[in-house]
Amino acid sequence: MKVKEEDRANNEDDLIERLKAESKDAIDFFLKLGELMERGEVEVKLIVKRKKKP
């Protein structure tokens, strides 16, 4: 069964929202995300972009 890109994006959004709701603060959020990464349940890609000054 092929997973549609849109469905994958929705599942990722749902995961992020669930983690936000369960977390007390940003540190707790990233700790929970780290636990999921350690268990191999999620893969995290970090994109950092510097905003251009006007």
C-alpha atoms as a PDB file:
ATOM      1  CA  MET A   1       0.000   0.000   0.000  1.00  0.00           C
ATOM      2  CA  LYS A   2       1.451   3.303  -1.085  1.00  0.00           C
ATOM      3  CA  VAL A   3       1.277   6.207   1.353  1.00  0.00           C
ATOM      4  CA  LYS A   4       0.312   9.481  -0.255  1.00  0.00           C
ATOM      5  CA  GLU A   5       2.588  12.447   0.440  1.00  0.00           C
ATOM      6  CA  GLU A   6      -0.404  14.423   1.756  1.00  0.00           C
ATOM      7  CA  ASP A   7      -1.300  11.641   4.221  1.00  0.00           C
ATOM      8  CA  ARG A   8       2.305  11.503   5.405  1.00  0.00           C
ATOM      9  CA  ALA A   9       2.297  15.278   5.986  1.00  0.00           C
ATOM     10  CA  ASN A  10      -0.972  15.042   7.934  1.00  0.00           C
ATOM     11  CA  ASN A  11       0.419  12.254  10.119  1.00  0.00           C
ATOM     12  CA  GLU A  12       3.549  14.302  10.810  1.00  0.00           C
ATOM     13  CA  ASP A  13       1.422  17.330  11.716  1.00  0.00           C
ATOM     14  CA  ASP A  14      -0.709  15.156  14.026  1.00  0.00           C
ATOM     15  CA  LEU A  15       2.419  13.824  15.732  1.00  0.00           C
ATOM     16  CA  ILE A  16       3.796  17.324  16.281  1.00  0.00           C
ATOM     17  CA  GLU A  17       0.474  18.570  17.667  1.00  0.00           C
ATOM     18  CA  ARG A  18       0.189  15.564  19.996  1.00  0.00           C
ATOM     19  CA  LEU A  19       3.725  16.107  21.284  1.00  0.00           C
ATOM     20  CA  LYS A  20       3.020  19.810  21.824  1.00  0.00           C
ATOM     21  CA  ALA A  21      -0.128  18.992  23.810  1.00  0.00           C
ATOM     22  CA  GLU A  22       1.661  16.413  25.977  1.00  0.00           C
ATOM     23  CA  SER A  23       4.726  18.562  26.650  1.00  0.00           C
ATOM     24  CA  LYS A  24       5.143  20.985  29.528  1.00  0.00           C
ATOM     25  CA  ASP A  25       7.694  23.133  27.683  1.00  0.00           C
ATOM     26  CA  ALA A  26      10.074  23.113  24.716  1.00  0.00           C
ATOM     27  CA  ILE A  27      12.661  20.986  26.515  1.00  0.00           C
ATOM     28  CA  ASP A  28      10.065  18.327  27.335  1.00  0.00           C
ATOM     29  CA  PHE A  29       8.903  18.401  23.680  1.00  0.00           C
ATOM     30  CA  PHE A  30      12.395  17.678  22.390  1.00  0.00           C
ATOM     31  CA  LEU A  31      13.002  14.999  25.015  1.00  0.00           C
ATOM     32  CA  LYS A  32       9.832  13.195  23.919  1.00  0.00           C
ATOM     33  CA  LEU A  33      10.850  13.582  20.276  1.00  0.00           C
ATOM     34  CA  GLY A  34      14.290  12.185  21.127  1.00  0.00           C
ATOM     35  CA  GLU A  35      12.697   9.136  22.757  1.00  0.00           C
ATOM     36  CA  LEU A  36      10.724   8.454  19.570  1.00  0.00           C
ATOM     37  CA  MET A  37      13.937   8.802  17.539  1.00  0.00           C
ATOM     38  CA  GLU A  38      15.799   6.360  19.804  1.00  0.00           C
ATOM     39  CA  ARG A  39      13.041   3.783  19.369  1.00  0.00           C
ATOM     40  CA  GLY A  40      13.244   4.240  15.606  1.00  0.00           C
ATOM     41  CA  GLU A  41       9.647   5.433  15.354  1.00  0.00           C
ATOM     42  CA  VAL A  42      10.500   8.747  13.685  1.00  0.00           C
ATOM     43  CA  GLU A  43      13.290  10.283  11.659  1.00  0.00           C
ATOM     44  CA  VAL A  44      13.962  13.958  12.239  1.00  0.00           C
ATOM     45  CA  LYS A  45      15.485  16.322   9.707  1.00  0.00           C
ATOM     46  CA  LEU A  46      16.442  19.765  10.926  1.00  0.00           C
ATOM     47  CA  ILE A  47      16.352  22.656   8.494  1.00  0.00           C
ATOM     48  CA  VAL A  48      17.825  25.925   9.656  1.00  0.00           C
ATOM     49  CA  LYS A  49      17.374  29.034   7.549  1.00  0.00           C
ATOM     50  CA  ARG A  50      18.691  32.452   8.400  1.00  0.00           C
ATOM     51  CA  LYS A  51      16.187  35.213   7.754  1.00  0.00           C
ATOM     52  CA  LYS A  52      17.395  38.035   5.569  1.00  0.00           C
ATOM     53  CA  LYS A  53      17.340  41.476   7.111  1.00  0.00           C
ATOM     54  CA  PRO A  54      15.052  43.924   5.313  1.00  0.00           C
END
